[in-house]
N, C-alpha and C. Protein backbone atom coordinates (compact mmCIF):
# COMPACT_ATOMS: atom_id res chain seq x y z
N UNK A 1 37.47 53.09 7.03
CA UNK A 1 38.17 53.55 5.83
C UNK A 1 39.46 54.27 6.24
N UNK A 2 40.51 54.04 5.49
CA UNK A 2 41.81 54.65 5.77
C UNK A 2 41.74 56.16 5.53
N UNK A 3 42.47 56.92 6.33
CA UNK A 3 42.49 58.36 6.14
C UNK A 3 43.61 58.76 5.18
N UNK A 4 43.67 60.05 4.89
CA UNK A 4 44.62 60.56 3.90
C UNK A 4 46.07 60.27 4.27
N UNK A 5 46.43 60.37 5.53
CA UNK A 5 47.81 60.10 5.96
C UNK A 5 48.15 58.62 5.78
N UNK A 6 47.23 57.74 6.16
CA UNK A 6 47.44 56.30 5.98
C UNK A 6 47.57 55.95 4.50
N UNK A 7 46.71 56.55 3.68
CA UNK A 7 46.76 56.28 2.24
C UNK A 7 48.10 56.75 1.66
N UNK A 8 48.55 57.93 2.06
CA UNK A 8 49.81 58.45 1.54
C UNK A 8 50.99 57.58 1.98
N UNK A 9 51.00 57.16 3.23
CA UNK A 9 52.07 56.27 3.72
C UNK A 9 52.07 54.96 2.94
N UNK A 10 50.90 54.43 2.66
CA UNK A 10 50.81 53.19 1.88
C UNK A 10 51.28 53.44 0.45
N UNK A 11 50.95 54.59 -0.11
CA UNK A 11 51.43 54.94 -1.45
C UNK A 11 52.96 54.92 -1.47
N UNK A 12 53.60 55.51 -0.45
CA UNK A 12 55.06 55.52 -0.39
C UNK A 12 55.63 54.11 -0.31
N UNK A 13 54.98 53.26 0.49
CA UNK A 13 55.42 51.86 0.61
C UNK A 13 55.32 51.15 -0.74
N UNK A 14 54.19 51.30 -1.41
CA UNK A 14 53.98 50.67 -2.72
C UNK A 14 54.96 51.24 -3.74
N UNK A 15 55.16 52.56 -3.72
CA UNK A 15 56.09 53.19 -4.67
C UNK A 15 57.50 52.65 -4.51
N UNK A 16 57.96 52.57 -3.27
CA UNK A 16 59.29 52.05 -3.01
C UNK A 16 59.42 50.62 -3.53
N UNK A 17 58.38 49.83 -3.30
CA UNK A 17 58.38 48.45 -3.76
C UNK A 17 58.40 48.39 -5.30
N UNK A 18 57.57 49.23 -5.95
CA UNK A 18 57.54 49.27 -7.42
C UNK A 18 58.88 49.74 -7.98
N UNK A 19 59.52 50.71 -7.29
CA UNK A 19 60.85 51.18 -7.70
C UNK A 19 61.82 50.01 -7.74
N UNK A 20 61.85 49.25 -6.64
CA UNK A 20 62.83 48.18 -6.48
C UNK A 20 62.50 46.94 -7.32
N UNK A 21 61.25 46.51 -7.28
CA UNK A 21 60.86 45.25 -7.94
C UNK A 21 60.75 45.37 -9.46
N UNK A 22 60.17 46.48 -9.94
CA UNK A 22 59.86 46.58 -11.36
C UNK A 22 60.52 47.77 -12.07
N UNK A 23 61.26 48.58 -11.32
CA UNK A 23 61.91 49.75 -11.93
C UNK A 23 60.92 50.83 -12.34
N UNK A 24 59.77 50.87 -11.70
CA UNK A 24 58.72 51.84 -12.01
C UNK A 24 58.84 53.04 -11.07
N UNK A 25 58.79 54.24 -11.65
CA UNK A 25 58.62 55.45 -10.86
C UNK A 25 57.16 55.87 -11.11
N UNK A 26 56.26 55.51 -10.18
CA UNK A 26 54.83 55.74 -10.41
C UNK A 26 54.45 57.21 -10.27
N UNK A 27 53.26 57.53 -10.74
CA UNK A 27 52.70 58.87 -10.60
C UNK A 27 51.58 58.79 -9.57
N UNK A 28 51.68 59.65 -8.55
CA UNK A 28 50.60 59.79 -7.58
C UNK A 28 49.51 60.60 -8.25
N UNK A 29 48.28 60.08 -8.25
CA UNK A 29 47.21 60.66 -9.05
C UNK A 29 45.93 60.72 -8.23
N UNK A 30 44.87 61.19 -8.82
CA UNK A 30 43.56 61.19 -8.18
C UNK A 30 43.47 62.14 -7.00
N UNK A 31 42.47 61.90 -6.15
CA UNK A 31 42.20 62.78 -5.02
C UNK A 31 43.36 62.83 -4.02
N UNK A 32 44.05 61.72 -3.85
CA UNK A 32 45.18 61.72 -2.92
C UNK A 32 46.30 62.61 -3.44
N UNK A 33 46.62 62.49 -4.72
CA UNK A 33 47.65 63.34 -5.32
C UNK A 33 47.25 64.81 -5.28
N UNK A 34 45.99 65.07 -5.59
CA UNK A 34 45.49 66.45 -5.57
C UNK A 34 45.53 67.02 -4.16
N UNK A 35 45.16 66.21 -3.17
CA UNK A 35 45.21 66.66 -1.78
C UNK A 35 46.63 67.07 -1.40
N UNK A 36 47.61 66.26 -1.82
CA UNK A 36 49.01 66.56 -1.49
C UNK A 36 49.49 67.83 -2.18
N UNK A 37 49.19 67.99 -3.45
CA UNK A 37 49.66 69.15 -4.21
C UNK A 37 48.96 70.43 -3.78
N UNK A 38 47.64 70.37 -3.62
CA UNK A 38 46.86 71.56 -3.30
C UNK A 38 46.90 71.90 -1.81
N UNK A 39 47.27 70.93 -0.99
CA UNK A 39 47.24 71.08 0.47
C UNK A 39 45.84 71.47 0.94
N UNK A 40 44.86 70.81 0.31
CA UNK A 40 43.45 70.94 0.66
C UNK A 40 42.93 69.52 0.81
N UNK A 41 42.14 69.25 1.83
CA UNK A 41 41.63 67.90 2.04
C UNK A 41 40.48 67.61 1.08
N UNK A 42 40.75 66.76 0.10
CA UNK A 42 39.73 66.34 -0.85
C UNK A 42 39.16 64.97 -0.48
N UNK A 43 39.40 64.54 0.75
CA UNK A 43 38.87 63.28 1.28
C UNK A 43 39.09 62.09 0.36
N UNK A 44 40.35 61.79 0.05
CA UNK A 44 40.61 60.64 -0.83
C UNK A 44 40.11 59.34 -0.20
N UNK A 45 39.55 58.48 -1.04
CA UNK A 45 38.99 57.22 -0.56
C UNK A 45 39.85 56.03 -0.98
N UNK A 46 40.77 56.28 -1.91
CA UNK A 46 41.63 55.21 -2.41
C UNK A 46 42.93 55.82 -2.91
N UNK A 47 43.76 54.98 -3.49
CA UNK A 47 45.03 55.44 -4.04
C UNK A 47 44.99 55.18 -5.55
N UNK A 48 45.16 56.25 -6.31
CA UNK A 48 45.23 56.14 -7.76
C UNK A 48 46.69 56.30 -8.18
N UNK A 49 47.17 55.33 -8.93
CA UNK A 49 48.57 55.31 -9.34
C UNK A 49 48.64 55.13 -10.86
N UNK A 50 49.49 55.93 -11.48
CA UNK A 50 49.74 55.77 -12.91
C UNK A 50 51.10 55.10 -13.10
N UNK A 51 51.12 54.14 -14.00
CA UNK A 51 52.35 53.42 -14.35
C UNK A 51 52.42 53.35 -15.87
N UNK A 52 53.60 53.07 -16.42
CA UNK A 52 53.70 52.92 -17.87
C UNK A 52 52.72 51.85 -18.39
N UNK A 53 52.14 52.11 -19.55
CA UNK A 53 51.14 51.23 -20.16
C UNK A 53 51.59 49.78 -20.24
N UNK A 54 52.87 49.56 -20.50
CA UNK A 54 53.38 48.19 -20.66
C UNK A 54 53.08 47.34 -19.42
N UNK A 55 52.99 47.96 -18.23
CA UNK A 55 52.73 47.20 -17.00
C UNK A 55 51.24 46.86 -16.83
N UNK A 56 50.39 47.43 -17.67
CA UNK A 56 48.98 47.05 -17.66
C UNK A 56 48.66 46.13 -18.83
N UNK A 57 49.67 45.88 -19.65
CA UNK A 57 49.50 44.99 -20.79
C UNK A 57 50.51 43.85 -20.69
N UNK A 58 51.58 43.94 -21.44
CA UNK A 58 52.56 42.85 -21.53
C UNK A 58 53.22 42.45 -20.22
N UNK A 59 53.42 43.40 -19.32
CA UNK A 59 54.08 43.11 -18.05
C UNK A 59 53.07 43.11 -16.89
N UNK A 60 51.80 42.94 -17.21
CA UNK A 60 50.73 42.94 -16.19
C UNK A 60 50.97 41.87 -15.13
N UNK A 61 51.42 40.71 -15.54
CA UNK A 61 51.66 39.62 -14.60
C UNK A 61 52.66 40.01 -13.52
N UNK A 62 53.69 40.76 -13.90
CA UNK A 62 54.69 41.21 -12.94
C UNK A 62 54.12 42.20 -11.94
N UNK A 63 53.30 43.12 -12.42
CA UNK A 63 52.67 44.10 -11.53
C UNK A 63 51.69 43.40 -10.59
N UNK A 64 50.92 42.48 -11.14
CA UNK A 64 49.95 41.74 -10.33
C UNK A 64 50.67 40.93 -9.24
N UNK A 65 51.77 40.30 -9.60
CA UNK A 65 52.55 39.52 -8.64
C UNK A 65 53.16 40.42 -7.57
N UNK A 66 53.66 41.58 -7.98
CA UNK A 66 54.24 42.53 -7.03
C UNK A 66 53.19 42.98 -6.01
N UNK A 67 51.97 43.24 -6.47
CA UNK A 67 50.90 43.67 -5.56
C UNK A 67 50.51 42.53 -4.62
N UNK A 68 50.53 41.32 -5.14
CA UNK A 68 50.21 40.15 -4.31
C UNK A 68 51.24 40.01 -3.18
N UNK A 69 52.52 40.26 -3.50
CA UNK A 69 53.58 40.19 -2.49
C UNK A 69 53.34 41.21 -1.38
N UNK A 70 52.66 42.29 -1.71
CA UNK A 70 52.36 43.33 -0.73
C UNK A 70 51.05 43.06 0.02
N UNK A 71 50.44 41.90 -0.27
CA UNK A 71 49.22 41.52 0.44
C UNK A 71 47.93 41.98 -0.20
N UNK A 72 48.01 42.44 -1.45
CA UNK A 72 46.82 42.93 -2.15
C UNK A 72 46.20 41.84 -3.01
N UNK A 73 44.88 41.88 -3.09
CA UNK A 73 44.12 40.99 -3.97
C UNK A 73 43.55 41.80 -5.12
N UNK A 74 43.58 41.24 -6.31
CA UNK A 74 42.96 41.87 -7.47
C UNK A 74 41.45 41.77 -7.30
N UNK A 75 40.76 42.91 -7.30
CA UNK A 75 39.30 42.87 -7.12
C UNK A 75 38.54 43.31 -8.37
N UNK A 76 39.23 43.98 -9.30
CA UNK A 76 38.57 44.41 -10.53
C UNK A 76 39.62 44.47 -11.64
N UNK A 77 39.60 43.47 -12.50
CA UNK A 77 40.59 43.37 -13.57
C UNK A 77 40.46 44.54 -14.55
N UNK A 78 39.24 44.90 -14.92
CA UNK A 78 39.02 45.97 -15.89
C UNK A 78 39.57 47.32 -15.39
N UNK A 79 39.39 47.57 -14.10
CA UNK A 79 39.88 48.83 -13.49
C UNK A 79 41.29 48.70 -12.93
N UNK A 80 41.88 47.51 -13.02
CA UNK A 80 43.21 47.25 -12.44
C UNK A 80 43.23 47.68 -10.98
N UNK A 81 42.23 47.21 -10.24
CA UNK A 81 42.05 47.63 -8.86
C UNK A 81 42.35 46.49 -7.89
N UNK A 82 43.10 46.84 -6.85
CA UNK A 82 43.51 45.89 -5.82
C UNK A 82 43.00 46.38 -4.47
N UNK A 83 42.88 45.42 -3.54
CA UNK A 83 42.47 45.80 -2.19
C UNK A 83 43.21 44.97 -1.15
N UNK A 84 43.55 45.64 -0.04
CA UNK A 84 44.11 45.00 1.14
C UNK A 84 43.42 45.67 2.32
N UNK A 85 42.67 44.89 3.09
CA UNK A 85 41.88 45.42 4.19
C UNK A 85 41.03 46.58 3.69
N UNK A 86 41.19 47.78 4.25
CA UNK A 86 40.32 48.89 3.83
C UNK A 86 41.01 49.84 2.85
N UNK A 87 42.09 49.40 2.22
CA UNK A 87 42.79 50.24 1.25
C UNK A 87 42.62 49.67 -0.16
N UNK A 88 42.16 50.53 -1.06
CA UNK A 88 42.04 50.16 -2.47
C UNK A 88 43.06 50.96 -3.26
N UNK A 89 43.66 50.28 -4.23
CA UNK A 89 44.61 50.92 -5.15
C UNK A 89 44.16 50.61 -6.57
N UNK A 90 44.03 51.67 -7.36
CA UNK A 90 43.68 51.52 -8.77
C UNK A 90 44.83 51.98 -9.64
N UNK A 91 45.13 51.21 -10.67
CA UNK A 91 46.20 51.56 -11.60
C UNK A 91 45.62 51.98 -12.95
N UNK A 92 46.20 53.01 -13.52
CA UNK A 92 45.92 53.41 -14.90
C UNK A 92 47.28 53.71 -15.52
N UNK A 93 47.28 54.09 -16.80
CA UNK A 93 48.58 54.27 -17.44
C UNK A 93 48.95 55.73 -17.65
N UNK A 94 50.22 56.00 -17.41
CA UNK A 94 50.79 57.33 -17.45
C UNK A 94 50.58 58.00 -18.80
N UNK A 95 50.78 57.26 -19.88
CA UNK A 95 50.71 57.84 -21.22
C UNK A 95 49.35 58.45 -21.53
N UNK A 96 48.32 58.04 -20.81
CA UNK A 96 46.97 58.57 -21.03
C UNK A 96 46.87 60.05 -20.66
N UNK A 97 47.77 60.53 -19.81
CA UNK A 97 47.74 61.95 -19.44
C UNK A 97 47.83 62.85 -20.67
N UNK A 98 48.68 62.47 -21.62
CA UNK A 98 48.88 63.28 -22.83
C UNK A 98 47.61 63.29 -23.69
N UNK A 99 47.08 62.11 -23.95
CA UNK A 99 45.89 62.01 -24.79
C UNK A 99 44.67 62.63 -24.11
N UNK A 100 44.50 62.37 -22.84
CA UNK A 100 43.30 62.78 -22.12
C UNK A 100 43.28 64.27 -21.81
N UNK A 101 44.42 64.81 -21.32
CA UNK A 101 44.38 66.18 -20.81
C UNK A 101 45.55 67.06 -21.28
N UNK A 102 46.29 66.59 -22.30
CA UNK A 102 47.43 67.36 -22.80
C UNK A 102 48.46 67.67 -21.70
N UNK A 103 48.66 66.71 -20.80
CA UNK A 103 49.69 66.83 -19.76
C UNK A 103 50.89 66.03 -20.23
N UNK A 104 52.04 66.68 -20.30
CA UNK A 104 53.26 66.01 -20.75
C UNK A 104 53.85 65.21 -19.60
N UNK A 105 53.54 63.94 -19.56
CA UNK A 105 53.98 63.07 -18.46
C UNK A 105 55.50 62.93 -18.40
N UNK A 106 56.17 63.21 -19.50
CA UNK A 106 57.64 63.10 -19.50
C UNK A 106 58.31 64.24 -18.75
N UNK A 107 57.54 65.29 -18.47
CA UNK A 107 58.09 66.45 -17.76
C UNK A 107 57.64 66.55 -16.31
N UNK A 108 56.98 65.51 -15.81
CA UNK A 108 56.55 65.53 -14.41
C UNK A 108 57.75 65.50 -13.49
N UNK A 109 57.65 66.26 -12.42
CA UNK A 109 58.74 66.32 -11.44
C UNK A 109 58.81 65.02 -10.65
N UNK A 110 60.05 64.54 -10.43
CA UNK A 110 60.27 63.34 -9.63
C UNK A 110 60.57 63.77 -8.20
N UNK A 111 59.88 63.15 -7.26
CA UNK A 111 60.07 63.42 -5.84
C UNK A 111 60.64 62.17 -5.18
N UNK A 112 61.33 62.37 -4.08
CA UNK A 112 61.82 61.24 -3.31
C UNK A 112 61.49 61.49 -1.85
N UNK A 113 60.82 60.51 -1.25
CA UNK A 113 60.43 60.62 0.15
C UNK A 113 60.40 59.23 0.76
N UNK A 114 60.97 59.10 1.93
CA UNK A 114 60.99 57.83 2.66
C UNK A 114 61.50 56.68 1.79
N UNK A 115 62.51 56.97 0.95
CA UNK A 115 63.10 55.94 0.11
C UNK A 115 62.31 55.59 -1.14
N UNK A 116 61.23 56.33 -1.40
CA UNK A 116 60.39 56.07 -2.58
C UNK A 116 60.52 57.20 -3.59
N UNK A 117 60.67 56.84 -4.85
CA UNK A 117 60.66 57.83 -5.93
C UNK A 117 59.30 57.77 -6.61
N UNK A 118 58.73 58.95 -6.86
CA UNK A 118 57.45 59.02 -7.55
C UNK A 118 57.32 60.37 -8.24
N UNK A 119 56.39 60.46 -9.15
CA UNK A 119 56.09 61.71 -9.85
C UNK A 119 54.75 62.24 -9.37
N UNK A 120 54.60 63.53 -9.61
CA UNK A 120 53.39 64.18 -9.15
C UNK A 120 52.99 65.26 -10.16
N UNK A 121 51.70 65.43 -10.37
CA UNK A 121 51.22 66.48 -11.25
C UNK A 121 51.26 67.82 -10.51
N UNK A 122 51.34 68.91 -11.26
CA UNK A 122 51.27 70.25 -10.69
C UNK A 122 49.80 70.65 -10.57
N UNK A 123 49.53 71.76 -9.91
CA UNK A 123 48.15 72.27 -9.84
C UNK A 123 47.61 72.54 -11.24
N UNK A 124 48.45 73.12 -12.11
CA UNK A 124 48.01 73.41 -13.48
C UNK A 124 47.68 72.12 -14.24
N UNK A 125 48.46 71.06 -14.00
CA UNK A 125 48.18 69.77 -14.63
C UNK A 125 46.85 69.21 -14.14
N UNK A 126 46.63 69.28 -12.83
CA UNK A 126 45.36 68.80 -12.28
C UNK A 126 44.18 69.60 -12.82
N UNK A 127 44.38 70.89 -13.03
CA UNK A 127 43.31 71.72 -13.60
C UNK A 127 42.95 71.20 -14.99
N UNK A 128 43.94 70.86 -15.79
CA UNK A 128 43.69 70.29 -17.12
C UNK A 128 42.92 68.97 -17.01
N UNK A 129 43.35 68.12 -16.08
CA UNK A 129 42.72 66.81 -15.91
C UNK A 129 41.26 66.96 -15.50
N UNK A 130 40.99 67.79 -14.51
CA UNK A 130 39.62 67.93 -14.01
C UNK A 130 38.74 68.71 -14.98
N UNK A 131 39.32 69.63 -15.75
CA UNK A 131 38.54 70.28 -16.82
C UNK A 131 38.08 69.24 -17.83
N UNK A 132 38.98 68.33 -18.17
CA UNK A 132 38.63 67.27 -19.11
C UNK A 132 37.61 66.30 -18.50
N UNK A 133 37.80 65.96 -17.23
CA UNK A 133 36.86 65.06 -16.54
C UNK A 133 35.46 65.65 -16.50
N UNK A 134 35.38 66.97 -16.41
CA UNK A 134 34.07 67.64 -16.34
C UNK A 134 33.28 67.45 -17.64
N UNK A 135 33.99 67.10 -18.71
CA UNK A 135 33.32 66.86 -20.00
C UNK A 135 32.74 65.45 -20.10
N UNK A 136 33.16 64.57 -19.20
CA UNK A 136 32.77 63.17 -19.20
C UNK A 136 31.50 63.00 -18.37
N UNK A 137 30.41 62.57 -18.99
CA UNK A 137 29.14 62.42 -18.29
C UNK A 137 29.20 61.52 -17.08
N UNK A 138 29.93 60.41 -17.17
CA UNK A 138 30.06 59.49 -16.05
C UNK A 138 30.79 60.16 -14.90
N UNK A 139 31.95 60.77 -15.19
CA UNK A 139 32.75 61.42 -14.15
C UNK A 139 32.02 62.63 -13.56
N UNK A 140 31.26 63.32 -14.39
CA UNK A 140 30.60 64.55 -13.96
C UNK A 140 29.65 64.30 -12.80
N UNK A 141 28.95 63.18 -12.81
CA UNK A 141 27.96 62.92 -11.77
C UNK A 141 28.44 61.94 -10.71
N UNK A 142 29.61 61.35 -10.92
CA UNK A 142 30.15 60.38 -9.96
C UNK A 142 30.43 61.06 -8.62
N UNK A 143 30.21 60.33 -7.55
CA UNK A 143 30.52 60.81 -6.21
C UNK A 143 29.92 62.18 -5.90
N UNK A 144 28.64 62.35 -6.24
CA UNK A 144 27.92 63.57 -5.89
C UNK A 144 28.63 64.82 -6.42
N UNK A 145 29.04 64.78 -7.66
CA UNK A 145 29.67 65.93 -8.33
C UNK A 145 30.98 66.38 -7.67
N UNK A 146 31.68 65.43 -7.07
CA UNK A 146 32.93 65.74 -6.38
C UNK A 146 33.96 66.39 -7.31
N UNK A 147 34.05 65.94 -8.56
CA UNK A 147 35.03 66.50 -9.50
C UNK A 147 34.75 67.98 -9.78
N UNK A 148 33.47 68.36 -9.87
CA UNK A 148 33.14 69.76 -10.13
C UNK A 148 33.53 70.63 -8.94
N UNK A 149 33.38 70.11 -7.74
CA UNK A 149 33.80 70.85 -6.54
C UNK A 149 35.32 71.02 -6.55
N UNK A 150 36.03 69.97 -6.94
CA UNK A 150 37.49 70.05 -7.02
C UNK A 150 37.91 71.09 -8.06
N UNK A 151 37.21 71.11 -9.17
CA UNK A 151 37.51 72.03 -10.25
C UNK A 151 37.36 73.48 -9.79
N UNK A 152 36.32 73.75 -9.04
CA UNK A 152 36.08 75.09 -8.51
C UNK A 152 37.25 75.53 -7.62
N UNK A 153 37.67 74.65 -6.72
CA UNK A 153 38.78 74.95 -5.81
C UNK A 153 40.08 75.09 -6.60
N UNK A 154 40.31 74.20 -7.56
CA UNK A 154 41.52 74.26 -8.38
C UNK A 154 41.62 75.58 -9.13
N UNK A 155 40.51 76.01 -9.71
CA UNK A 155 40.51 77.29 -10.43
C UNK A 155 40.93 78.43 -9.52
N UNK A 156 40.40 78.45 -8.30
CA UNK A 156 40.76 79.51 -7.34
C UNK A 156 42.25 79.43 -6.99
N UNK A 157 42.75 78.22 -6.73
CA UNK A 157 44.16 78.05 -6.37
C UNK A 157 45.09 78.48 -7.50
N UNK A 158 44.78 78.06 -8.72
CA UNK A 158 45.63 78.40 -9.87
C UNK A 158 45.55 79.91 -10.14
N UNK A 159 44.37 80.50 -10.02
CA UNK A 159 44.23 81.96 -10.19
C UNK A 159 45.06 82.72 -9.16
N UNK A 160 44.99 82.29 -7.90
CA UNK A 160 45.74 83.00 -6.86
C UNK A 160 47.25 82.83 -7.05
N UNK A 161 47.67 81.66 -7.54
CA UNK A 161 49.10 81.45 -7.83
C UNK A 161 49.56 82.36 -8.97
N UNK A 162 48.76 82.49 -10.02
CA UNK A 162 49.16 83.30 -11.16
C UNK A 162 49.18 84.78 -10.76
N UNK A 163 48.29 85.19 -9.85
CA UNK A 163 48.31 86.58 -9.38
C UNK A 163 49.56 86.84 -8.55
N UNK A 164 49.95 85.87 -7.72
CA UNK A 164 51.16 86.01 -6.91
C UNK A 164 52.40 86.14 -7.79
N UNK A 165 52.41 85.41 -8.90
CA UNK A 165 53.57 85.42 -9.79
C UNK A 165 53.69 86.71 -10.60
N UNK A 166 52.62 87.50 -10.65
CA UNK A 166 52.67 88.78 -11.39
C UNK A 166 53.27 89.91 -10.56
N UNK A 167 53.49 89.68 -9.27
CA UNK A 167 54.01 90.75 -8.41
C UNK A 167 55.48 90.56 -8.13
């Protein structure tokens, strides 16, 4: 299985490709995104990427073709999941952040690294997402309660940040 550094490097490669091929500035999401923002190893197992909804619907063929050009095979249509060797990438849509966790995706900070532009959630945004995930029965028990462990760490990190900002 690919490690966190390999996954992040692959994310940058895919992001750069999506920037150029489809004009997408993707959002780094999931455990890999949380690991990067929190600077805590959450042992990401895959790459979760958010893209505009239109690329999972009307422009799905273009996204699928772009991933194929990068050597990925579609392995789960319902989850929009691709795989190349030991790396899995799952796509979901950016607009769901607002409905699911009240995160304003239009205000996400854009980063540029190694020629790739992408967006990233803040610790406070991730706290909203994982608080909401904790309400979902499927997510709550998935991966040996991994989300609840993340939530505990996130709460501590956000609390310590807010205490630092009061001084």
